[in-house]
Amino acid sequence: MMERLQKYLARAGIASRRRAEEMIEQGFVQVNGSTVTEMGVKIEPGQDHVTVNGQEVRLREEPVYFLFNKPRRVMTTLHDPEQRAKISDYLQGIKTRVYPVGRLDYLTEGLLILTNDGELAYRLTHPKYKVKKTYRTKVAGVVEERFLQRLQKGVRLEDGFTAPAGAKKIETGQDYTVLEITIHEGRNRQVRRMCEAIGHPVISLKRTKFGPLVLDGLPGGHYRALQPPEILALKKACQLD
């Protein structure tokens, strides 16, 4: 089916339709090797070869969204040169290429979002949008109230103070404490480093929430497609219309 060139460019995510019209008028767009500068030109997607400043334009895949419960001792990567277990080993049923939103380290388990929606992934992980992530962690020793307050107010790490965090005790044993910690930053191994900074190293760590999403009984190593209301809630959480 024939389609107007500016609509095709917008649908491919190059620019808004208005900006695409400006790009055409300014001579940035080529069809089958010839520069197009007039409005009204139609192309056949999949047949005509469209470039912008010499770069080929391709339609983006339909966005897909999944929730995955990452097990411990699994890499949050699609490839691993050391041949360790990786999340792609568990995603054989997903035909579209997807990427993890942020990372969980090798020994951390729990909620991971997988998608091919680059803009959503960017916003969910950018500190500017303050999307909260909640972890349940078992740490060594009994955590005193004053150390809990340090987590809540912000802890000094080698890369600066952390933002104030949500932190509360869930369980206290003879030589351990289970904490629930909520942060919105995305520093490398942040929760582990925060706990080490107060003198209570992590024994185990699991992410239970990401924005409005919760694991909700999904077994380790399994994934499920997000439902439309969940996708809308995720987008709302990072101010993506």
C-alpha atoms as a PDB file:
ATOM      1  CA  MET A   1       0.000   0.000   0.000  1.00  0.00           C
ATOM      2  CA  MET A   2       1.353   3.410  -0.961  1.00  0.00           C
ATOM      3  CA  GLU A   3       2.066   5.814   1.894  1.00  0.00           C
ATOM      4  CA  ARG A   4       3.038   9.477   2.064  1.00  0.00           C
ATOM      5  CA  LEU A   5       6.746   9.879   2.651  1.00  0.00           C
ATOM      6  CA  GLN A   6       6.436  12.131   5.721  1.00  0.00           C
ATOM      7  CA  LYS A   7       4.029   9.671   7.368  1.00  0.00           C
ATOM      8  CA  TYR A   8       6.436   6.806   6.687  1.00  0.00           C
ATOM      9  CA  LEU A   9       9.298   8.743   8.285  1.00  0.00           C
ATOM     10  CA  ALA A  10       7.192   9.497  11.352  1.00  0.00           C
ATOM     11  CA  ARG A  11       6.059   5.877  11.640  1.00  0.00           C
ATOM     12  CA  ALA A  12       9.702   4.777  11.488  1.00  0.00           C
ATOM     13  CA  GLY A  13      10.473   7.026  14.458  1.00  0.00           C
ATOM     14  CA  ILE A  14      12.738   9.412  12.529  1.00  0.00           C
ATOM     15  CA  ALA A  15      10.836  12.546  13.548  1.00  0.00           C
ATOM     16  CA  SER A  16       7.337  13.940  14.037  1.00  0.00           C
ATOM     17  CA  ARG A  17       5.352  14.283  10.828  1.00  0.00           C
ATOM     18  CA  ARG A  18       5.795  18.064  10.826  1.00  0.00           C
ATOM     19  CA  ARG A  19       9.546  17.777  11.345  1.00  0.00           C
ATOM     20  CA  ALA A  20       9.680  15.085   8.628  1.00  0.00           C
ATOM     21  CA  GLU A  21       8.077  17.550   6.206  1.00  0.00           C
ATOM     22  CA  GLU A  22      10.761  20.089   7.062  1.00  0.00           C
ATOM     23  CA  MET A  23      13.488  17.494   6.495  1.00  0.00           C
ATOM     24  CA  ILE A  24      12.030  16.704   3.069  1.00  0.00           C
ATOM     25  CA  GLU A  25      11.879  20.387   2.115  1.00  0.00           C
ATOM     26  CA  GLN A  26      15.485  20.862   3.277  1.00  0.00           C
ATOM     27  CA  GLY A  27      16.714  18.048   1.012  1.00  0.00           C
ATOM     28  CA  PHE A  28      17.693  15.569   3.706  1.00  0.00           C
ATOM     29  CA  VAL A  29      15.562  12.681   2.360  1.00  0.00           C
ATOM     30  CA  GLN A  30      16.281  10.399  -0.571  1.00  0.00           C
ATOM     31  CA  VAL A  31      14.009   7.842  -2.243  1.00  0.00           C
ATOM     32  CA  ASN A  32      15.679   5.196  -4.394  1.00  0.00           C
ATOM     33  CA  GLY A  33      18.803   7.336  -4.516  1.00  0.00           C
ATOM     34  CA  SER A  34      17.118  10.587  -5.572  1.00  0.00           C
ATOM     35  CA  THR A  35      16.645  13.539  -3.238  1.00  0.00           C
ATOM     36  CA  VAL A  36      13.007  14.480  -2.668  1.00  0.00           C
ATOM     37  CA  THR A  37      12.086  18.051  -1.731  1.00  0.00           C
ATOM     38  CA  GLU A  38       8.373  18.226  -2.560  1.00  0.00           C
ATOM     39  CA  MET A  39       5.405  17.270  -0.428  1.00  0.00           C
ATOM     40  CA  GLY A  40       2.936  14.667  -1.632  1.00  0.00           C
ATOM     41  CA  VAL A  41       5.455  12.020  -2.664  1.00  0.00           C
ATOM     42  CA  LYS A  42       4.238   8.506  -1.908  1.00  0.00           C
ATOM     43  CA  ILE A  43       6.340   5.400  -1.429  1.00  0.00           C
ATOM     44  CA  GLU A  44       5.742   1.661  -1.176  1.00  0.00           C
ATOM     45  CA  PRO A  45       7.052   0.486   2.224  1.00  0.00           C
ATOM     46  CA  GLY A  46       9.279  -2.537   1.781  1.00  0.00           C
ATOM     47  CA  GLN A  47       9.790  -1.799  -1.903  1.00  0.00           C
ATOM     48  CA  ASP A  48      11.158   1.737  -2.127  1.00  0.00           C
ATOM     49  CA  HIS A  49      14.535   2.462  -0.536  1.00  0.00           C
ATOM     50  CA  VAL A  50      14.357   5.517   1.754  1.00  0.00           C
ATOM     51  CA  THR A  51      17.358   7.203   3.363  1.00  0.00           C
ATOM     52  CA  VAL A  52      17.885  10.288   5.514  1.00  0.00           C
ATOM     53  CA  ASN A  53      21.320  11.833   5.025  1.00  0.00           C
ATOM     54  CA  GLY A  54      22.400   8.522   3.519  1.00  0.00           C
ATOM     55  CA  GLN A  55      21.170   6.404   6.461  1.00  0.00           C
ATOM     56  CA  GLU A  56      18.615   3.747   5.602  1.00  0.00           C
ATOM     57  CA  VAL A  57      15.178   4.151   7.154  1.00  0.00           C
ATOM     58  CA  ARG A  58      13.457   1.041   8.436  1.00  0.00           C
ATOM     59  CA  LEU A  59      10.147   0.678  10.211  1.00  0.00           C
ATOM     60  CA  ARG A  60      10.484  -0.088  13.870  1.00  0.00           C
ATOM     61  CA  GLU A  61       9.203  -3.399  15.167  1.00  0.00           C
ATOM     62  CA  GLU A  62       5.952  -3.378  17.076  1.00  0.00           C
ATOM     63  CA  PRO A  63       6.862  -2.660  20.700  1.00  0.00           C
ATOM     64  CA  VAL A  64       6.649  -5.609  23.095  1.00  0.00           C
ATOM     65  CA  TYR A  65       6.897  -5.684  26.879  1.00  0.00           C
ATOM     66  CA  PHE A  66       7.683  -8.571  29.227  1.00  0.00           C
ATOM     67  CA  LEU A  67       8.253  -9.108  32.934  1.00  0.00           C
ATOM     68  CA  PHE A  68      10.951 -11.660  33.798  1.00  0.00           C
ATOM     69  CA  ASN A  69      11.893 -13.143  37.162  1.00  0.00           C
ATOM     70  CA  LYS A  70      15.681 -13.423  36.907  1.00  0.00           C
ATOM     71  CA  PRO A  71      17.232 -16.250  38.944  1.00  0.00           C
ATOM     72  CA  ARG A  72      20.467 -15.888  40.927  1.00  0.00           C
ATOM     73  CA  ARG A  73      23.716 -16.705  39.128  1.00  0.00           C
ATOM     74  CA  VAL A  74      22.368 -15.538  35.774  1.00  0.00           C
ATOM     75  CA  MET A  75      23.899 -12.695  33.760  1.00  0.00           C
ATOM     76  CA  THR A  76      21.650  -9.797  32.698  1.00  0.00           C
ATOM     77  CA  THR A  77      23.004 -10.009  29.169  1.00  0.00           C
ATOM     78  CA  LEU A  78      22.085 -11.653  25.891  1.00  0.00           C
ATOM     79  CA  HIS A  79      25.654 -12.938  25.357  1.00  0.00           C
ATOM     80  CA  ASP A  80      28.421 -13.856  27.779  1.00  0.00           C
ATOM     81  CA  PRO A  81      32.011 -14.632  26.686  1.00  0.00           C
ATOM     82  CA  GLU A  82      32.568 -16.682  29.860  1.00  0.00           C
ATOM     83  CA  GLN A  83      29.678 -19.002  28.934  1.00  0.00           C
ATOM     84  CA  ARG A  84      27.784 -18.334  32.158  1.00  0.00           C
ATOM     85  CA  ALA A  85      24.024 -18.663  32.319  1.00  0.00           C
ATOM     86  CA  LYS A  86      22.347 -15.556  30.845  1.00  0.00           C
ATOM     87  CA  ILE A  87      18.808 -14.249  30.563  1.00  0.00           C
ATOM     88  CA  SER A  88      18.580 -15.064  26.847  1.00  0.00           C
ATOM     89  CA  ASP A  89      18.761 -18.763  27.815  1.00  0.00           C
ATOM     90  CA  TYR A  90      15.277 -18.329  29.304  1.00  0.00           C
ATOM     91  CA  LEU A  91      13.703 -16.304  26.485  1.00  0.00           C
ATOM     92  CA  GLN A  92      13.521 -18.840  23.676  1.00  0.00           C
ATOM     93  CA  GLY A  93       9.774 -18.282  23.265  1.00  0.00           C
ATOM     94  CA  ILE A  94      10.133 -14.550  22.555  1.00  0.00           C
ATOM     95  CA  LYS A  95      10.518 -14.084  18.798  1.00  0.00           C
ATOM     96  CA  THR A  96      11.154 -10.308  18.872  1.00  0.00           C
ATOM     97  CA  ARG A  97      14.597  -9.134  19.968  1.00  0.00           C
ATOM     98  CA  VAL A  98      14.209  -7.553  23.417  1.00  0.00           C
ATOM     99  CA  TYR A  99      16.626  -5.918  25.834  1.00  0.00           C
ATOM    100  CA  PRO A 100      16.690  -5.687  29.642  1.00  0.00           C
ATOM    101  CA  VAL A 101      15.739  -2.357  31.205  1.00  0.00           C
ATOM    102  CA  GLY A 102      18.725  -1.733  33.458  1.00  0.00           C
ATOM    103  CA  ARG A 103      20.627  -4.591  35.054  1.00  0.00           C
ATOM    104  CA  LEU A 104      20.608  -6.925  38.002  1.00  0.00           C
ATOM    105  CA  ASP A 105      24.017  -8.240  38.973  1.00  0.00           C
ATOM    106  CA  TYR A 106      24.961 -11.910  38.712  1.00  0.00           C
ATOM    107  CA  LEU A 107      23.909 -12.805  42.266  1.00  0.00           C
ATOM    108  CA  THR A 108      20.768 -10.639  42.397  1.00  0.00           C
ATOM    109  CA  GLU A 109      17.418 -12.133  41.462  1.00  0.00           C
ATOM    110  CA  GLY A 110      14.004 -10.727  40.773  1.00  0.00           C
ATOM    111  CA  LEU A 111      12.015  -8.416  38.576  1.00  0.00           C
ATOM    112  CA  LEU A 112      13.464  -7.436  35.222  1.00  0.00           C
ATOM    113  CA  ILE A 113      11.607  -5.616  32.440  1.00  0.00           C
ATOM    114  CA  LEU A 114      12.341  -6.695  28.863  1.00  0.00           C
ATOM    115  CA  THR A 115      11.323  -4.592  25.866  1.00  0.00           C
ATOM    116  CA  ASN A 116      12.322  -3.207  22.462  1.00  0.00           C
ATOM    117  CA  ASP A 117      10.839   0.197  23.354  1.00  0.00           C
ATOM    118  CA  GLY A 118      13.994   2.284  23.628  1.00  0.00           C
ATOM    119  CA  GLU A 119      12.330   5.490  24.801  1.00  0.00           C
ATOM    120  CA  LEU A 120      10.510   3.738  27.637  1.00  0.00           C
ATOM    121  CA  ALA A 121      13.684   1.909  28.681  1.00  0.00           C
ATOM    122  CA  TYR A 122      15.610   5.186  28.740  1.00  0.00           C
ATOM    123  CA  ARG A 123      13.051   6.949  30.904  1.00  0.00           C
ATOM    124  CA  LEU A 124      12.607   4.051  33.317  1.00  0.00           C
ATOM    125  CA  THR A 125      16.327   4.049  34.099  1.00  0.00           C
ATOM    126  CA  HIS A 126      17.049   7.802  34.054  1.00  0.00           C
ATOM    127  CA  PRO A 127      17.228   9.369  37.554  1.00  0.00           C
ATOM    128  CA  LYS A 128      15.336  12.422  36.256  1.00  0.00           C
ATOM    129  CA  TYR A 129      12.071  10.451  36.186  1.00  0.00           C
ATOM    130  CA  LYS A 130      12.515   8.973  39.680  1.00  0.00           C
ATOM    131  CA  VAL A 131      10.930   5.607  38.936  1.00  0.00           C
ATOM    132  CA  LYS A 132      11.112   3.606  42.162  1.00  0.00           C
ATOM    133  CA  LYS A 133      12.628   0.138  42.476  1.00  0.00           C
ATOM    134  CA  THR A 134      12.117  -1.954  45.591  1.00  0.00           C
ATOM    135  CA  TYR A 135      14.428  -4.689  46.849  1.00  0.00           C
ATOM    136  CA  ARG A 136      14.179  -7.230  49.644  1.00  0.00           C
ATOM    137  CA  THR A 137      17.599  -7.982  51.056  1.00  0.00           C
ATOM    138  CA  LYS A 138      18.944 -10.201  53.791  1.00  0.00           C
ATOM    139  CA  VAL A 139      22.008  -8.628  55.382  1.00  0.00           C
ATOM    140  CA  ALA A 140      24.520  -9.855  57.925  1.00  0.00           C
ATOM    141  CA  GLY A 141      24.024  -8.737  61.516  1.00  0.00           C
ATOM    142  CA  VAL A 142      21.209  -6.957  63.336  1.00  0.00           C
ATOM    143  CA  VAL A 143      20.662  -3.500  61.859  1.00  0.00           C
ATOM    144  CA  GLU A 144      20.287  -0.790  64.468  1.00  0.00           C
ATOM    145  CA  GLU A 145      17.819   2.050  63.999  1.00  0.00           C
ATOM    146  CA  ARG A 146      20.586   4.612  63.501  1.00  0.00           C
ATOM    147  CA  PHE A 147      21.915   2.678  60.514  1.00  0.00           C
ATOM    148  CA  LEU A 148      18.423   2.335  59.081  1.00  0.00           C
ATOM    149  CA  GLN A 149      18.114   6.111  59.293  1.00  0.00           C
ATOM    150  CA  ARG A 150      21.379   6.492  57.381  1.00  0.00           C
ATOM    151  CA  LEU A 151      19.883   4.511  54.522  1.00  0.00           C
ATOM    152  CA  GLN A 152      16.782   6.685  54.654  1.00  0.00           C
ATOM    153  CA  LYS A 153      18.719   9.964  54.616  1.00  0.00           C
ATOM    154  CA  GLY A 154      21.397   8.967  52.085  1.00  0.00           C
ATOM    155  CA  VAL A 155      24.652   7.072  52.342  1.00  0.00           C
ATOM    156  CA  ARG A 156      28.041   8.297  51.220  1.00  0.00           C
ATOM    157  CA  LEU A 157      29.563   6.051  48.550  1.00  0.00           C
ATOM    158  CA  GLU A 158      32.731   6.490  46.506  1.00  0.00           C
ATOM    159  CA  ASP A 159      30.663   8.151  43.755  1.00  0.00           C
ATOM    160  CA  GLY A 160      28.841  10.521  46.127  1.00  0.00           C
ATOM    161  CA  PHE A 161      25.872  10.503  48.471  1.00  0.00           C
ATOM    162  CA  THR A 162      22.852   8.439  47.515  1.00  0.00           C
ATOM    163  CA  ALA A 163      19.436  10.073  47.361  1.00  0.00           C
ATOM    164  CA  PRO A 164      17.134   9.445  50.339  1.00  0.00           C
ATOM    165  CA  ALA A 165      15.773   5.893  50.200  1.00  0.00           C
ATOM    166  CA  GLY A 166      12.847   4.028  51.621  1.00  0.00           C
ATOM    167  CA  ALA A 167      14.172   1.521  54.159  1.00  0.00           C
ATOM    168  CA  LYS A 168      12.391  -0.622  56.732  1.00  0.00           C
ATOM    169  CA  LYS A 169      12.948  -3.823  58.661  1.00  0.00           C
ATOM    170  CA  ILE A 170      10.926  -6.851  57.611  1.00  0.00           C
ATOM    171  CA  GLU A 171      12.505  -9.471  59.878  1.00  0.00           C
ATOM    172  CA  THR A 172      15.263  -9.661  62.473  1.00  0.00           C
ATOM    173  CA  GLY A 173      17.098 -12.871  63.338  1.00  0.00           C
ATOM    174  CA  GLN A 174      19.920 -13.683  65.701  1.00  0.00           C
ATOM    175  CA  ASP A 175      22.628 -12.734  63.194  1.00  0.00           C
ATOM    176  CA  TYR A 176      20.763 -11.261  60.218  1.00  0.00           C
ATOM    177  CA  THR A 177      18.169  -8.657  59.233  1.00  0.00           C
ATOM    178  CA  VAL A 178      15.771  -8.637  56.287  1.00  0.00           C
ATOM    179  CA  LEU A 179      15.273  -5.132  54.885  1.00  0.00           C
ATOM    180  CA  GLU A 180      13.028  -3.648  52.228  1.00  0.00           C
ATOM    181  CA  ILE A 181      14.850  -0.852  50.402  1.00  0.00           C
ATOM    182  CA  THR A 182      13.335   1.444  47.764  1.00  0.00           C
ATOM    183  CA  ILE A 183      15.506   3.648  45.553  1.00  0.00           C
ATOM    184  CA  HIS A 184      15.024   5.618  42.341  1.00  0.00           C
ATOM    185  CA  GLU A 185      18.666   5.947  41.286  1.00  0.00           C
ATOM    186  CA  GLY A 186      20.372   3.430  39.040  1.00  0.00           C
ATOM    187  CA  ARG A 187      23.962   3.259  40.253  1.00  0.00           C
ATOM    188  CA  ASN A 188      25.925   0.081  39.759  1.00  0.00           C
ATOM    189  CA  ARG A 189      25.306  -2.431  42.591  1.00  0.00           C
ATOM    190  CA  GLN A 190      23.776   0.413  44.585  1.00  0.00           C
ATOM    191  CA  VAL A 191      21.822  -1.518  47.214  1.00  0.00           C
ATOM    192  CA  ARG A 192      24.782  -3.805  47.909  1.00  0.00           C
ATOM    193  CA  ARG A 193      27.103  -0.826  48.314  1.00  0.00           C
ATOM    194  CA  MET A 194      24.641   1.015  50.555  1.00  0.00           C
ATOM    195  CA  CYS A 195      24.402  -1.955  52.879  1.00  0.00           C
ATOM    196  CA  GLU A 196      28.175  -2.415  52.930  1.00  0.00           C
ATOM    197  CA  ALA A 197      28.553   1.299  53.767  1.00  0.00           C
ATOM    198  CA  ILE A 198      26.553   0.838  56.990  1.00  0.00           C
ATOM    199  CA  GLY A 199      28.518  -2.276  57.915  1.00  0.00           C
ATOM    200  CA  HIS A 200      25.913  -4.910  56.982  1.00  0.00           C
ATOM    201  CA  PRO A 201      26.953  -6.751  53.811  1.00  0.00           C
ATOM    202  CA  VAL A 202      24.271  -8.378  51.671  1.00  0.00           C
ATOM    203  CA  ILE A 203      23.651 -12.100  51.977  1.00  0.00           C
ATOM    204  CA  SER A 204      20.881 -12.239  49.370  1.00  0.00           C
ATOM    205  CA  LEU A 205      19.126  -9.627  47.240  1.00  0.00           C
ATOM    206  CA  LYS A 206      15.906  -9.686  45.238  1.00  0.00           C
ATOM    207  CA  ARG A 207      14.113  -6.929  43.319  1.00  0.00           C
ATOM    208  CA  THR A 208      10.392  -7.214  44.013  1.00  0.00           C
ATOM    209  CA  LYS A 209       8.987  -4.052  42.406  1.00  0.00           C
ATOM    210  CA  PHE A 210       9.823  -1.776  39.480  1.00  0.00           C
ATOM    211  CA  GLY A 211       7.568   1.277  39.306  1.00  0.00           C
ATOM    212  CA  PRO A 212       3.994  -0.060  39.359  1.00  0.00           C
ATOM    213  CA  LEU A 213       5.034  -3.643  38.514  1.00  0.00           C
ATOM    214  CA  VAL A 214       5.373  -6.436  41.072  1.00  0.00           C
ATOM    215  CA  LEU A 215       6.575 -10.029  40.666  1.00  0.00           C
ATOM    216  CA  ASP A 216       3.235 -11.282  41.976  1.00  0.00           C
ATOM    217  CA  GLY A 217       4.100 -14.988  42.209  1.00  0.00           C
ATOM    218  CA  LEU A 218       5.912 -15.368  38.880  1.00  0.00           C
ATOM    219  CA  PRO A 219       8.364 -18.289  39.352  1.00  0.00           C
ATOM    220  CA  GLY A 220      12.103 -17.749  38.919  1.00  0.00           C
ATOM    221  CA  GLY A 221      13.278 -18.201  35.341  1.00  0.00           C
ATOM    222  CA  HIS A 222       9.816 -17.469  33.914  1.00  0.00           C
ATOM    223  CA  TYR A 223       8.460 -14.483  32.008  1.00  0.00           C
ATOM    224  CA  ARG A 224       5.071 -13.159  30.986  1.00  0.00           C
ATOM    225  CA  ALA A 225       3.818 -10.464  28.632  1.00  0.00           C
ATOM    226  CA  LEU A 226       2.706  -7.239  30.305  1.00  0.00           C
ATOM    227  CA  GLN A 227      -0.982  -6.433  30.045  1.00  0.00           C
ATOM    228  CA  PRO A 228      -2.130  -3.129  28.451  1.00  0.00           C
ATOM    229  CA  PRO A 229      -3.013  -1.525  31.831  1.00  0.00           C
ATOM    230  CA  GLU A 230       0.480  -2.421  33.131  1.00  0.00           C
ATOM    231  CA  ILE A 231       2.136  -0.875  30.063  1.00  0.00           C
ATOM    232  CA  LEU A 232       0.081   2.296  30.498  1.00  0.00           C
ATOM    233  CA  ALA A 233       1.003   2.440  34.185  1.00  0.00           C
ATOM    234  CA  LEU A 234       4.711   2.056  33.346  1.00  0.00           C
ATOM    235  CA  LYS A 235       4.516   4.878  30.806  1.00  0.00           C
ATOM    236  CA  LYS A 236       2.670   7.076  33.268  1.00  0.00           C
ATOM    237  CA  ALA A 237       5.332   6.415  35.904  1.00  0.00           C
ATOM    238  CA  CYS A 238       8.012   7.920  33.639  1.00  0.00           C
ATOM    239  CA  GLN A 239       5.815  10.652  32.106  1.00  0.00           C
ATOM    240  CA  LEU A 240       5.690   9.034  28.654  1.00  0.00           C
ATOM    241  CA  ASP A 241       2.476   9.859  26.800  1.00  0.00           C
END
